[in-house]
Amino acid sequence: MENYQLASAIIGLLLFGAIIWLVRKDLLHGRFAVMWFFIGLCCALLGIFPEATDWFALKIGIGYPPVLAIILGMGFLVLKIIIMDIERSRNEVKLARLTQRLAILESELLDKDKTLPD
């Protein structure tokens, strides 16, 4: 195993360990952790078996195999950003509905206070 393979495998395993630690400390929720587990596992496997990337890249017609890793990395980043935007949009809708409900309840409470005799 060459130095770059060893370094990549160690980075992947450290990432995997950090994800487990974050999930155990309840700093990273399970549904987000799944994607990060997958990324850590891929980093470790591609570090141990870099020839798999070379073989697959050549099979799909990519002349310079390291470009495949860059393209896949950028694809995962775009996917992560889209997922984050979807989650943020859901939270904004929930917050708007909660604000509306609170305003309705406050209005009803003020109306009840006005109708009560002193």
Protein backbone atom coordinates (compact mmCIF):
# COMPACT_ATOMS: atom_id res chain seq x y z
CA MET A 1 0.00 0.00 0.00
CA GLU A 2 1.42 3.37 -1.03
CA ASN A 3 1.49 6.46 1.17
CA TYR A 4 -1.41 8.24 -0.58
CA GLN A 5 -3.54 5.11 -0.28
CA LEU A 6 -2.77 4.82 3.41
CA ALA A 7 -3.44 8.54 4.01
CA SER A 8 -6.76 8.38 2.13
CA ALA A 9 -7.84 5.25 4.00
CA ILE A 10 -6.93 6.81 7.36
CA ILE A 11 -8.82 10.01 6.50
CA GLY A 12 -11.88 7.96 5.54
CA LEU A 13 -11.73 5.94 8.75
CA LEU A 14 -11.27 9.09 10.84
CA LEU A 15 -14.26 10.65 9.11
CA PHE A 16 -16.26 7.51 9.80
CA GLY A 17 -15.22 7.59 13.48
CA ALA A 18 -16.04 11.28 13.78
CA ILE A 19 -19.51 10.68 12.36
CA ILE A 20 -20.14 7.91 14.88
CA TRP A 21 -18.98 10.21 17.68
CA LEU A 22 -21.24 13.05 16.47
CA VAL A 23 -24.26 10.73 16.28
CA ARG A 24 -23.59 9.33 19.76
CA LYS A 25 -23.32 12.85 21.19
CA ASP A 26 -26.61 13.73 19.42
CA LEU A 27 -24.93 16.50 17.44
CA LEU A 28 -25.74 14.88 14.09
CA HIS A 29 -29.14 13.32 13.47
CA GLY A 30 -29.44 9.87 11.98
CA ARG A 31 -30.91 10.79 8.62
CA PHE A 32 -28.01 13.17 7.91
CA ALA A 33 -25.46 10.72 9.27
CA VAL A 34 -26.33 8.09 6.67
CA MET A 35 -24.97 10.22 3.84
CA TRP A 36 -21.82 11.05 5.81
CA PHE A 37 -21.29 7.37 6.70
CA PHE A 38 -21.47 6.59 3.00
CA ILE A 39 -18.96 9.32 2.15
CA GLY A 40 -16.52 8.16 4.86
CA LEU A 41 -16.82 4.56 3.70
CA CYS A 42 -16.22 5.58 0.07
CA CYS A 43 -13.13 7.58 1.05
CA ALA A 44 -11.73 4.62 2.97
CA LEU A 45 -12.49 2.10 0.21
CA LEU A 46 -11.15 4.28 -2.58
CA GLY A 47 -8.03 4.91 -0.52
CA ILE A 48 -7.46 1.20 -0.09
CA PHE A 49 -8.46 0.29 -3.67
CA PRO A 50 -7.62 3.27 -5.94
CA GLU A 51 -7.44 1.00 -8.97
CA ALA A 52 -11.23 0.60 -8.73
CA THR A 53 -11.62 4.29 -9.57
CA ASP A 54 -9.17 3.97 -12.46
CA TRP A 55 -10.93 0.89 -13.83
CA PHE A 56 -14.42 2.42 -13.58
CA ALA A 57 -13.32 5.75 -15.07
CA LEU A 58 -11.76 4.03 -18.07
CA LYS A 59 -14.88 1.86 -18.54
CA ILE A 60 -17.14 4.90 -18.79
CA GLY A 61 -14.75 6.72 -21.10
CA ILE A 62 -12.95 9.17 -18.82
CA GLY A 63 -9.38 9.54 -20.04
CA TYR A 64 -7.89 10.90 -16.80
CA PRO A 65 -9.32 8.79 -13.91
CA PRO A 66 -8.76 11.27 -11.03
CA VAL A 67 -11.32 13.54 -12.70
CA LEU A 68 -14.00 10.97 -11.82
CA ALA A 69 -13.36 11.48 -8.10
CA ILE A 70 -13.61 15.26 -8.52
CA ILE A 71 -16.85 14.99 -10.52
CA LEU A 72 -18.38 12.62 -7.97
CA GLY A 73 -17.29 14.86 -5.10
CA MET A 74 -18.84 17.91 -6.72
CA GLY A 75 -22.01 15.92 -7.42
CA PHE A 76 -22.28 14.90 -3.77
CA LEU A 77 -21.75 18.51 -2.68
CA VAL A 78 -24.52 19.74 -4.99
CA LEU A 79 -26.81 16.97 -3.71
CA LYS A 80 -26.04 17.94 -0.11
CA ILE A 81 -26.76 21.61 -0.83
CA ILE A 82 -30.09 20.71 -2.44
CA ILE A 83 -31.04 18.58 0.56
CA MET A 84 -30.11 21.44 2.90
CA ASP A 85 -32.25 23.89 0.90
CA ILE A 86 -35.22 21.51 0.97
CA GLU A 87 -34.88 21.15 4.73
CA ARG A 88 -34.53 24.91 5.20
CA SER A 89 -37.65 25.51 3.06
CA ARG A 90 -39.64 23.03 5.16
CA ASN A 91 -38.50 24.75 8.34
CA GLU A 92 -39.46 28.17 6.99
CA VAL A 93 -42.96 26.93 6.13
CA LYS A 94 -43.31 25.38 9.60
CA LEU A 95 -42.12 28.59 11.21
CA ALA A 96 -44.56 30.71 9.19
CA ARG A 97 -47.47 28.42 10.14
CA LEU A 98 -46.44 28.45 13.78
CA THR A 99 -46.24 32.24 13.74
CA GLN A 100 -49.71 32.44 12.21
CA ARG A 101 -51.13 30.06 14.83
CA LEU A 102 -49.54 32.08 17.61
CA ALA A 103 -51.02 35.30 16.22
CA ILE A 104 -54.47 33.67 16.06
CA LEU A 105 -54.20 32.43 19.65
CA GLU A 106 -53.05 35.84 20.89
CA SER A 107 -55.95 37.50 19.08
CA GLU A 108 -58.43 35.06 20.61
CA LEU A 109 -56.92 35.61 24.05
CA LEU A 110 -57.19 39.39 23.71
CA ASP A 111 -60.79 39.05 22.54
CA LYS A 112 -61.63 36.92 25.60
CA ASP A 113 -59.95 39.45 27.90
CA LYS A 114 -62.04 42.25 26.41
CA THR A 115 -65.32 40.38 26.86
CA LEU A 116 -64.71 39.45 30.50
CA PRO A 117 -66.28 41.80 33.02
CA ASP A 118 -63.95 43.44 35.51
